[in-house]
C-alpha atoms as a PDB file:
ATOM      1  CA  MET A   1     -14.092   4.004  -3.662  1.00  0.00           C
ATOM      2  CA  LEU A   2     -12.451   1.203  -1.590  1.00  0.00           C
ATOM      3  CA  ASN A   3     -12.909  -2.335  -2.807  1.00  0.00           C
ATOM      4  CA  ARG A   4     -12.929  -5.181  -0.043  1.00  0.00           C
ATOM      5  CA  GLY A   5      -9.256  -5.638  -0.486  1.00  0.00           C
ATOM      6  CA  GLU A   6      -8.480  -2.646  -0.577  1.00  0.00           C
ATOM      7  CA  GLN A   7     -10.020  -1.582   3.090  1.00  0.00           C
ATOM      8  CA  ASP A   8      -8.442  -5.231   4.394  1.00  0.00           C
ATOM      9  CA  TYR A   9      -5.387  -3.486   3.566  1.00  0.00           C
ATOM     10  CA  ILE A  10      -5.802  -0.086   5.040  1.00  0.00           C
ATOM     11  CA  LYS A  11      -7.300  -1.833   8.453  1.00  0.00           C
ATOM     12  CA  VAL A  12      -3.902  -4.258   8.228  1.00  0.00           C
ATOM     13  CA  ILE A  13      -2.007  -1.622   7.624  1.00  0.00           C
ATOM     14  CA  PHE A  14      -3.728   0.529  10.802  1.00  0.00           C
ATOM     15  CA  MET A  15      -3.274  -1.979  12.999  1.00  0.00           C
ATOM     16  CA  LEU A  16       0.500  -3.081  12.040  1.00  0.00           C
ATOM     17  CA  GLU A  17       1.562   0.372  12.473  1.00  0.00           C
ATOM     18  CA  ASP A  18       0.560   0.989  16.060  1.00  0.00           C
ATOM     19  CA  LYS A  19       2.644  -1.917  17.085  1.00  0.00           C
ATOM     20  CA  ASN A  20       5.234  -1.195  14.549  1.00  0.00           C
ATOM     21  CA  GLU A  21       8.616   0.916  16.391  1.00  0.00           C
ATOM     22  CA  ASP A  22       9.455   2.415  12.759  1.00  0.00           C
ATOM     23  CA  GLU A  23       7.371   5.578  11.383  1.00  0.00           C
ATOM     24  CA  TYR A  24       7.591   3.125   8.217  1.00  0.00           C
ATOM     25  CA  LEU A  25       6.047   0.053   7.682  1.00  0.00           C
ATOM     26  CA  ASN A  26       8.218  -3.048   6.038  1.00  0.00           C
ATOM     27  CA  ASN A  27       6.085  -4.272   3.165  1.00  0.00           C
ATOM     28  CA  ASN A  28       7.255  -7.625   4.235  1.00  0.00           C
ATOM     29  CA  GLU A  29       4.651  -7.598   7.285  1.00  0.00           C
ATOM     30  CA  LEU A  30       1.665  -7.216   5.042  1.00  0.00           C
ATOM     31  CA  VAL A  31       3.435 -10.301   2.923  1.00  0.00           C
ATOM     32  CA  LYS A  32       3.349 -12.153   6.332  1.00  0.00           C
ATOM     33  CA  THR A  33       0.309 -10.796   7.371  1.00  0.00           C
ATOM     34  CA  LEU A  34      -2.010 -11.183   4.844  1.00  0.00           C
ATOM     35  CA  GLY A  35      -0.559 -14.298   3.491  1.00  0.00           C
ATOM     36  CA  HIS A  36      -0.310 -12.589   0.018  1.00  0.00           C
ATOM     37  CA  THR A  37       2.471 -12.651  -2.094  1.00  0.00           C
ATOM     38  CA  PRO A  38       4.963  -9.660  -2.704  1.00  0.00           C
ATOM     39  CA  GLN A  39       3.540  -8.807  -6.203  1.00  0.00           C
ATOM     40  CA  THR A  40      -0.150  -8.705  -4.910  1.00  0.00           C
ATOM     41  CA  VAL A  41       1.214  -5.987  -2.462  1.00  0.00           C
ATOM     42  CA  ASN A  42       3.350  -4.795  -3.936  1.00  0.00           C
ATOM     43  CA  GLU A  43       0.425  -3.538  -6.737  1.00  0.00           C
ATOM     44  CA  THR A  44      -2.062  -2.859  -3.932  1.00  0.00           C
ATOM     45  CA  ILE A  45       0.121  -0.562  -2.006  1.00  0.00           C
ATOM     46  CA  LYS A  46       0.487   1.019  -6.068  1.00  0.00           C
ATOM     47  CA  LYS A  47      -3.400   1.345  -5.863  1.00  0.00           C
ATOM     48  CA  LEU A  48      -3.560   2.974  -2.393  1.00  0.00           C
ATOM     49  CA  VAL A  49      -1.008   5.909  -3.017  1.00  0.00           C
ATOM     50  CA  ASN A  50      -2.499   6.601  -5.881  1.00  0.00           C
ATOM     51  CA  LYS A  51      -5.779   7.194  -3.950  1.00  0.00           C
ATOM     52  CA  LYS A  52      -3.872   9.176  -1.376  1.00  0.00           C
ATOM     53  CA  LEU A  53      -4.338   6.671   0.840  1.00  0.00           C
ATOM     54  CA  VAL A  54      -1.118   4.921   1.830  1.00  0.00           C
ATOM     55  CA  GLU A  55       2.673   7.013   1.176  1.00  0.00           C
ATOM     56  CA  TYR A  56       5.352   4.618   0.389  1.00  0.00           C
ATOM     57  CA  VAL A  57       9.078   5.592   0.456  1.00  0.00           C
ATOM     58  CA  PRO A  58      11.223   3.119  -1.288  1.00  0.00           C
ATOM     59  CA  TYR A  59      13.587   1.331   0.900  1.00  0.00           C
ATOM     60  CA  LYS A  60      11.490   2.696   4.082  1.00  0.00           C
ATOM     61  CA  GLY A  61       7.869   1.436   3.627  1.00  0.00           C
ATOM     62  CA  THR A  62       4.318   2.271   4.129  1.00  0.00           C
ATOM     63  CA  LYS A  63       2.439   4.560   6.160  1.00  0.00           C
ATOM     64  CA  LEU A  64      -1.323   5.947   6.230  1.00  0.00           C
ATOM     65  CA  THR A  65      -1.801   9.417   5.183  1.00  0.00           C
ATOM     66  CA  ASP A  66      -4.177  11.331   6.971  1.00  0.00           C
ATOM     67  CA  GLU A  67      -7.465   9.901   4.931  1.00  0.00           C
ATOM     68  CA  GLY A  68      -6.097   6.459   4.832  1.00  0.00           C
ATOM     69  CA  ARG A  69      -5.954   6.524   8.853  1.00  0.00           C
ATOM     70  CA  ASP A  70      -9.763   8.184   9.193  1.00  0.00           C
ATOM     71  CA  ILE A  71     -10.423   5.397   7.302  1.00  0.00           C
ATOM     72  CA  GLY A  72      -8.762   2.760   9.029  1.00  0.00           C
ATOM     73  CA  THR A  73     -10.175   4.287  12.113  1.00  0.00           C
ATOM     74  CA  ARG A  74     -13.908   4.155  10.908  1.00  0.00           C
ATOM     75  CA  LEU A  75     -13.208   0.310   9.703  1.00  0.00           C
ATOM     76  CA  ILE A  76     -11.959  -0.245  13.356  1.00  0.00           C
ATOM     77  CA  ARG A  77     -14.815   1.374  15.043  1.00  0.00           C
ATOM     78  CA  ILE A  78     -17.444  -0.750  12.460  1.00  0.00           C
ATOM     79  CA  HIS A  79     -15.599  -4.184  13.909  1.00  0.00           C
ATOM     80  CA  ARG A  80     -15.884  -2.841  16.777  1.00  0.00           C
ATOM     81  CA  LEU A  81     -19.461  -1.998  17.033  1.00  0.00           C
ATOM     82  CA  TRP A  82     -20.802  -4.992  15.015  1.00  0.00           C
ATOM     83  CA  GLU A  83     -18.424  -7.388  17.462  1.00  0.00           C
ATOM     84  CA  TYR A  84     -20.526  -5.344  20.488  1.00  0.00           C
ATOM     85  CA  PHE A  85     -23.903  -6.002  18.650  1.00  0.00           C
ATOM     86  CA  LEU A  86     -23.799  -9.533  17.918  1.00  0.00           C
ATOM     87  CA  PHE A  87     -21.973 -10.675  21.828  1.00  0.00           C
ATOM     88  CA  GLU A  88     -24.212  -8.371  23.862  1.00  0.00           C
ATOM     89  CA  LYS A  89     -27.463  -8.197  21.837  1.00  0.00           C
ATOM     90  CA  LEU A  90     -27.414 -11.492  19.622  1.00  0.00           C
ATOM     91  CA  GLY A  91     -25.979 -13.907  21.753  1.00  0.00           C
ATOM     92  CA  TYR A  92     -23.142 -14.880  19.547  1.00  0.00           C
ATOM     93  CA  THR A  93     -20.084 -16.535  21.482  1.00  0.00           C
ATOM     94  CA  TRP A  94     -16.696 -14.681  22.248  1.00  0.00           C
ATOM     95  CA  GLU A  95     -15.053 -16.826  19.252  1.00  0.00           C
ATOM     96  CA  GLN A  96     -18.039 -16.231  16.720  1.00  0.00           C
ATOM     97  CA  VAL A  97     -18.213 -12.435  16.614  1.00  0.00           C
ATOM     98  CA  HIS A  98     -14.925 -12.045  14.964  1.00  0.00           C
ATOM     99  CA  ALA A  99     -15.780 -13.548  11.608  1.00  0.00           C
ATOM    100  CA  GLU A 100     -19.365 -12.277  11.741  1.00  0.00           C
ATOM    101  CA  ALA A 101     -18.030  -8.591  12.067  1.00  0.00           C
ATOM    102  CA  GLU A 102     -16.096  -8.713   9.508  1.00  0.00           C
ATOM    103  CA  LYS A 103     -18.021  -9.956   6.520  1.00  0.00           C
ATOM    104  CA  LEU A 104     -20.163  -6.731   8.009  1.00  0.00           C
ATOM    105  CA  GLU A 105     -17.980  -3.923   8.365  1.00  0.00           C
ATOM    106  CA  HIS A 106     -17.503  -3.891   4.604  1.00  0.00           C
ATOM    107  CA  ALA A 107     -21.521  -3.413   3.800  1.00  0.00           C
ATOM    108  CA  THR A 108     -21.764  -0.607   6.925  1.00  0.00           C
ATOM    109  CA  SER A 109     -22.863   2.598   5.363  1.00  0.00           C
ATOM    110  CA  PHE A 110     -22.167   6.119   7.288  1.00  0.00           C
ATOM    111  CA  LEU A 111     -25.967   6.354   8.569  1.00  0.00           C
ATOM    112  CA  LEU A 112     -26.166   2.443   9.715  1.00  0.00           C
ATOM    113  CA  GLU A 113     -22.364   2.947  11.792  1.00  0.00           C
ATOM    114  CA  GLU A 114     -24.399   6.210  13.214  1.00  0.00           C
ATOM    115  CA  ARG A 115     -27.061   4.628  14.055  1.00  0.00           C
ATOM    116  CA  LEU A 116     -25.845   1.122  15.312  1.00  0.00           C
ATOM    117  CA  TYR A 117     -23.019   3.671  17.555  1.00  0.00           C
ATOM    118  CA  LYS A 118     -26.034   5.337  19.177  1.00  0.00           C
ATOM    119  CA  PHE A 119     -28.618   2.341  19.292  1.00  0.00           C
ATOM    120  CA  LEU A 120     -25.758   0.317  21.295  1.00  0.00           C
ATOM    121  CA  GLY A 121     -25.240   3.543  23.695  1.00  0.00           C
ATOM    122  CA  GLU A 122     -22.185   4.756  22.317  1.00  0.00           C
ATOM    123  CA  PRO A 123     -19.791   1.487  23.742  1.00  0.00           C
ATOM    124  CA  LYS A 124     -16.566   2.584  24.724  1.00  0.00           C
ATOM    125  CA  GLN A 125     -15.265  -1.423  24.494  1.00  0.00           C
ATOM    126  CA  CYS A 126     -15.404  -4.104  21.870  1.00  0.00           C
ATOM    127  CA  PRO A 127     -16.498  -7.961  24.018  1.00  0.00           C
ATOM    128  CA  HIS A 128     -12.285  -8.593  23.660  1.00  0.00           C
ATOM    129  CA  GLY A 129     -11.722  -5.404  25.571  1.00  0.00           C
ATOM    130  CA  SER A 130     -10.644  -3.198  22.464  1.00  0.00           C
ATOM    131  CA  TYR A 131     -11.198   1.094  22.297  1.00  0.00           C
ATOM    132  CA  ILE A 132     -14.311   2.022  20.445  1.00  0.00           C
ATOM    133  CA  PRO A 133     -13.482   4.931  18.371  1.00  0.00           C
ATOM    134  CA  ARG A 134     -16.079   7.707  19.200  1.00  0.00           C
ATOM    135  CA  LEU A 135     -17.468   8.813  15.867  1.00  0.00           C
ATOM    136  CA  LYS A 136     -15.645  11.145  13.489  1.00  0.00           C
ATOM    137  CA  GLU A 137     -12.737  10.481  15.897  1.00  0.00           C
ATOM    138  CA  THR A 138      -9.434   9.481  14.189  1.00  0.00           C
ATOM    139  CA  ILE A 139      -7.317   7.119  16.214  1.00  0.00           C
ATOM    140  CA  GLY A 140      -3.321   8.850  16.139  1.00  0.00           C
ATOM    141  CA  ASN A 141      -0.497   6.838  15.257  1.00  0.00           C
ATOM    142  CA  LYS A 142       2.019   6.688  17.681  1.00  0.00           C
ATOM    143  CA  ASN A 143       4.449   8.045  15.906  1.00  0.00           C
ATOM    144  CA  ASP A 144       2.623  11.289  15.505  1.00  0.00           C
ATOM    145  CA  ASN A 145       3.981  14.177  17.364  1.00  0.00           C
END
């Protein structure tokens, strides 16, 4: 089981990988994006490597394993479903949805995720226009062949 911090790392690595031109993500990008010290980033990456969610190659960097990518996709899906729900059903403003969704994504079970997805009519985009992955879909890395 992953704690909230580890989930955040998986999600950030997932998002940065898709913007990154290289196969591996330099850990300095994580330091900059997360605002954590290099030591904290390295320690967390080691934990994720031990859980087989991240691959780390010295002098190259970090990338998600297939299992890490599955978790990253799920976290993105849940986050965007909550944004959609908060905006469309509860009337939150565009600016308010992200912070609330960030909290809710960490407390969402598989059952709640599935029911929320169905309840919302299997939406394809969040209020910001970003794609919402379907249930059991894994978004592939652009570097995959």
